[in-house]
């Protein structure tokens, strides 16, 4: 189930850090001190990696989703574009 703004704002820190999952590897990591950080988990060369996207609310839910989608696109196809010159 995808996150919404209300769930994010109402997330209360606990003794242990926890995650609010948005799906497809994107989640909001809640620290014990109440800090909220966007992270994206993915596999690269068979190893699990984590990309830190930014702090909430500096990075909104929509922006975090877009950043995760951009990262997914880069994993699927490299950012190099080859063109053929036809004469």
N, C-alpha and C. Protein backbone atom coordinates (compact mmCIF):
# COMPACT_ATOMS: atom_id res chain seq x y z
N UNK A 1 0.84 -1.18 0.00
CA UNK A 1 0.00 0.00 0.00
C UNK A 1 0.88 1.24 0.00
N UNK A 2 0.57 2.18 -0.86
CA UNK A 2 1.37 3.39 -0.96
C UNK A 2 1.12 4.32 0.22
N UNK A 3 2.14 5.08 0.53
CA UNK A 3 2.04 6.07 1.62
C UNK A 3 1.23 7.27 1.18
N UNK A 4 0.71 8.00 2.16
CA UNK A 4 0.10 9.29 1.89
C UNK A 4 0.65 10.30 2.90
N UNK A 5 0.39 11.56 2.67
CA UNK A 5 0.94 12.63 3.52
C UNK A 5 0.51 12.48 4.98
N UNK A 6 -0.71 12.07 5.21
CA UNK A 6 -1.21 11.93 6.58
C UNK A 6 -0.42 10.87 7.35
N UNK A 7 -0.17 9.72 6.71
CA UNK A 7 0.61 8.67 7.37
C UNK A 7 2.01 9.16 7.72
N UNK A 8 2.61 9.91 6.82
CA UNK A 8 3.96 10.41 7.05
C UNK A 8 3.98 11.41 8.20
N UNK A 9 3.07 12.36 8.19
CA UNK A 9 3.03 13.38 9.24
C UNK A 9 2.69 12.78 10.60
N UNK A 10 1.87 11.73 10.63
CA UNK A 10 1.45 11.11 11.89
C UNK A 10 2.41 10.05 12.41
N UNK A 11 3.49 9.77 11.67
CA UNK A 11 4.46 8.76 12.10
C UNK A 11 5.19 9.24 13.35
N UNK A 12 5.07 8.47 14.42
CA UNK A 12 5.67 8.84 15.71
C UNK A 12 6.92 7.99 15.91
N UNK A 13 8.05 8.62 16.25
CA UNK A 13 9.28 7.84 16.48
C UNK A 13 9.11 6.88 17.66
N UNK A 14 9.85 5.77 17.60
CA UNK A 14 9.81 4.79 18.69
C UNK A 14 11.24 4.53 19.16
N UNK A 15 11.40 3.57 20.07
CA UNK A 15 12.73 3.25 20.60
C UNK A 15 13.67 2.78 19.51
N UNK A 16 13.13 2.07 18.53
CA UNK A 16 13.94 1.56 17.43
C UNK A 16 13.54 2.27 16.14
N UNK A 17 14.51 2.54 15.27
CA UNK A 17 14.17 3.11 13.96
C UNK A 17 13.27 2.13 13.20
N UNK A 18 12.41 2.67 12.34
CA UNK A 18 11.54 1.81 11.54
C UNK A 18 11.31 2.43 10.17
N UNK A 19 10.70 1.64 9.28
CA UNK A 19 10.47 2.06 7.90
C UNK A 19 8.98 2.12 7.61
N UNK A 20 8.59 3.11 6.82
CA UNK A 20 7.25 3.17 6.24
C UNK A 20 7.43 2.91 4.75
N UNK A 21 6.98 1.77 4.29
CA UNK A 21 7.21 1.33 2.92
C UNK A 21 6.21 1.98 1.96
N UNK A 22 6.73 2.51 0.85
CA UNK A 22 5.88 3.08 -0.20
C UNK A 22 5.76 2.14 -1.39
N UNK A 23 6.62 1.15 -1.47
CA UNK A 23 6.59 0.20 -2.58
C UNK A 23 7.71 0.41 -3.57
N UNK A 24 8.05 -0.67 -4.28
CA UNK A 24 9.09 -0.66 -5.31
C UNK A 24 10.44 -0.17 -4.77
N UNK A 25 10.74 -0.49 -3.52
CA UNK A 25 12.04 -0.15 -2.95
C UNK A 25 12.12 1.18 -2.23
N UNK A 26 11.11 2.03 -2.38
CA UNK A 26 11.12 3.35 -1.73
C UNK A 26 10.49 3.25 -0.35
N UNK A 27 11.14 3.86 0.64
CA UNK A 27 10.58 3.89 1.99
C UNK A 27 11.05 5.13 2.73
N UNK A 28 10.32 5.44 3.78
CA UNK A 28 10.67 6.55 4.67
C UNK A 28 11.23 5.94 5.94
N UNK A 29 12.48 6.26 6.24
CA UNK A 29 13.16 5.74 7.43
C UNK A 29 12.95 6.73 8.57
N UNK A 30 12.38 6.27 9.67
CA UNK A 30 12.10 7.12 10.82
C UNK A 30 13.13 6.82 11.92
N UNK A 31 13.95 7.81 12.27
CA UNK A 31 14.96 7.67 13.33
C UNK A 31 14.30 7.71 14.70
N UNK A 32 15.06 7.32 15.71
CA UNK A 32 14.57 7.40 17.09
C UNK A 32 14.31 8.84 17.51
N UNK A 33 15.10 9.77 16.98
CA UNK A 33 14.93 11.18 17.35
C UNK A 33 13.86 11.89 16.53
N UNK A 34 13.19 11.17 15.63
CA UNK A 34 12.09 11.74 14.86
C UNK A 34 12.46 12.18 13.46
N UNK A 35 13.74 12.06 13.08
CA UNK A 35 14.15 12.41 11.72
C UNK A 35 13.53 11.47 10.70
N UNK A 36 13.12 12.01 9.57
CA UNK A 36 12.47 11.22 8.52
C UNK A 36 13.30 11.35 7.25
N UNK A 37 13.80 10.21 6.76
CA UNK A 37 14.70 10.19 5.61
C UNK A 37 14.16 9.27 4.52
N UNK A 38 14.15 9.78 3.29
CA UNK A 38 13.74 8.96 2.16
C UNK A 38 14.91 8.10 1.72
N UNK A 39 14.64 6.81 1.48
CA UNK A 39 15.66 5.88 1.00
C UNK A 39 15.06 4.98 -0.07
N UNK A 40 15.95 4.50 -0.94
CA UNK A 40 15.55 3.62 -2.03
C UNK A 40 16.50 2.42 -2.05
N UNK A 41 15.97 1.21 -1.88
CA UNK A 41 16.76 -0.02 -1.92
C UNK A 41 16.68 -0.64 -3.31
N UNK A 42 17.84 -1.13 -3.79
CA UNK A 42 17.89 -1.76 -5.10
C UNK A 42 19.05 -2.76 -5.14
N UNK A 43 19.08 -3.58 -6.16
CA UNK A 43 20.18 -4.53 -6.37
C UNK A 43 21.02 -4.05 -7.53
N UNK A 44 22.34 -4.17 -7.37
CA UNK A 44 23.27 -3.82 -8.45
C UNK A 44 24.40 -4.83 -8.42
N UNK A 45 24.60 -5.50 -9.54
CA UNK A 45 25.61 -6.57 -9.64
C UNK A 45 25.42 -7.61 -8.54
N UNK A 46 24.17 -7.94 -8.24
CA UNK A 46 23.87 -8.97 -7.27
C UNK A 46 24.01 -8.55 -5.82
N UNK A 47 24.28 -7.28 -5.57
CA UNK A 47 24.43 -6.80 -4.20
C UNK A 47 23.34 -5.78 -3.88
N UNK A 48 22.88 -5.84 -2.64
CA UNK A 48 21.85 -4.89 -2.20
C UNK A 48 22.49 -3.55 -1.88
N UNK A 49 21.90 -2.49 -2.40
CA UNK A 49 22.39 -1.13 -2.19
C UNK A 49 21.25 -0.25 -1.71
N UNK A 50 21.60 0.85 -1.05
CA UNK A 50 20.61 1.82 -0.58
C UNK A 50 21.01 3.21 -1.06
N UNK A 51 20.08 3.90 -1.69
CA UNK A 51 20.28 5.27 -2.13
C UNK A 51 19.52 6.19 -1.18
N UNK A 52 20.22 7.14 -0.57
CA UNK A 52 19.56 8.13 0.28
C UNK A 52 19.09 9.27 -0.61
N UNK A 53 17.81 9.57 -0.55
CA UNK A 53 17.22 10.58 -1.42
C UNK A 53 17.18 11.94 -0.75
N UNK A 54 16.84 12.00 0.52
CA UNK A 54 16.79 13.28 1.23
C UNK A 54 15.87 13.22 2.43
N UNK A 55 15.81 14.35 3.13
CA UNK A 55 15.01 14.46 4.35
C UNK A 55 13.59 14.91 4.03
N UNK A 56 12.65 14.34 4.75
CA UNK A 56 11.28 14.83 4.69
C UNK A 56 11.16 15.91 5.75
N UNK A 57 10.56 17.04 5.52
CA UNK A 57 9.72 17.46 4.40
C UNK A 57 10.46 18.22 3.30
N UNK A 58 11.80 18.35 3.41
CA UNK A 58 12.55 19.03 2.35
C UNK A 58 12.30 18.36 1.01
N UNK A 59 12.29 17.04 1.01
CA UNK A 59 11.94 16.25 -0.18
C UNK A 59 10.54 15.69 0.07
N UNK A 60 9.59 16.10 -0.74
CA UNK A 60 8.20 15.67 -0.56
C UNK A 60 8.00 14.23 -1.01
N UNK A 61 6.84 13.70 -0.73
CA UNK A 61 6.48 12.35 -1.16
C UNK A 61 6.54 12.23 -2.68
N UNK A 62 6.00 13.20 -3.38
CA UNK A 62 6.00 13.19 -4.85
C UNK A 62 7.42 13.25 -5.39
N UNK A 63 8.25 14.11 -4.81
CA UNK A 63 9.65 14.23 -5.25
C UNK A 63 10.43 12.95 -4.97
N UNK A 64 10.18 12.32 -3.84
CA UNK A 64 10.87 11.07 -3.51
C UNK A 64 10.48 9.97 -4.48
N UNK A 65 9.20 9.90 -4.82
CA UNK A 65 8.75 8.90 -5.80
C UNK A 65 9.41 9.14 -7.16
N UNK A 66 9.51 10.40 -7.56
CA UNK A 66 10.14 10.72 -8.84
C UNK A 66 11.63 10.37 -8.82
N UNK A 67 12.31 10.66 -7.72
CA UNK A 67 13.73 10.33 -7.60
C UNK A 67 13.95 8.82 -7.67
N UNK A 68 13.08 8.06 -7.02
CA UNK A 68 13.18 6.60 -7.06
C UNK A 68 12.93 6.08 -8.48
N UNK A 69 11.97 6.65 -9.16
CA UNK A 69 11.69 6.26 -10.55
C UNK A 69 12.87 6.58 -11.45
N UNK A 70 13.48 7.75 -11.26
CA UNK A 70 14.67 8.11 -12.04
C UNK A 70 15.81 7.13 -11.79
N UNK A 71 15.99 6.73 -10.54
CA UNK A 71 17.04 5.77 -10.20
C UNK A 71 16.76 4.42 -10.86
N UNK A 72 15.50 3.99 -10.86
CA UNK A 72 15.13 2.74 -11.52
C UNK A 72 15.45 2.79 -13.00
N UNK A 73 15.17 3.92 -13.63
CA UNK A 73 15.46 4.07 -15.06
C UNK A 73 16.95 3.98 -15.34
N UNK A 74 17.76 4.58 -14.49
CA UNK A 74 19.21 4.51 -14.67
C UNK A 74 19.74 3.09 -14.48
N UNK A 75 19.10 2.32 -13.62
CA UNK A 75 19.53 0.94 -13.41
C UNK A 75 19.20 0.07 -14.62
N UNK A 76 18.11 0.36 -15.29
CA UNK A 76 17.68 -0.43 -16.43
C UNK A 76 18.48 -0.08 -17.68
N UNK A 77 18.66 1.20 -17.93
CA UNK A 77 19.42 1.61 -19.11
C UNK A 77 20.41 2.70 -18.71
N UNK A 78 21.67 2.55 -19.10
CA UNK A 78 22.67 3.54 -18.73
C UNK A 78 22.36 4.90 -19.34
N UNK A 79 22.89 5.95 -18.73
CA UNK A 79 22.58 7.31 -19.20
C UNK A 79 23.30 7.72 -20.47
N UNK A 80 23.91 6.79 -21.15
CA UNK A 80 24.65 7.14 -22.37
C UNK A 80 23.76 6.86 -23.57
N UNK A 81 23.65 7.81 -24.42
CA UNK A 81 22.82 7.66 -25.61
C UNK A 81 23.73 7.67 -26.83
N UNK A 82 23.60 6.64 -27.63
CA UNK A 82 24.41 6.54 -28.84
C UNK A 82 23.53 6.90 -30.03
N UNK A 83 24.07 7.69 -30.89
CA UNK A 83 23.32 8.05 -32.09
C UNK A 83 24.12 7.64 -33.32
N UNK A 84 23.41 7.25 -34.33
CA UNK A 84 24.03 6.90 -35.59
C UNK A 84 23.77 8.02 -36.58
N UNK A 85 24.81 8.46 -37.21
CA UNK A 85 24.65 9.52 -38.21
C UNK A 85 24.38 8.85 -39.55
N UNK A 86 23.23 9.16 -40.09
CA UNK A 86 22.86 8.60 -41.39
C UNK A 86 23.12 9.64 -42.46
N UNK A 87 23.83 9.24 -43.50
CA UNK A 87 24.12 10.18 -44.59
C UNK A 87 23.37 9.76 -45.83
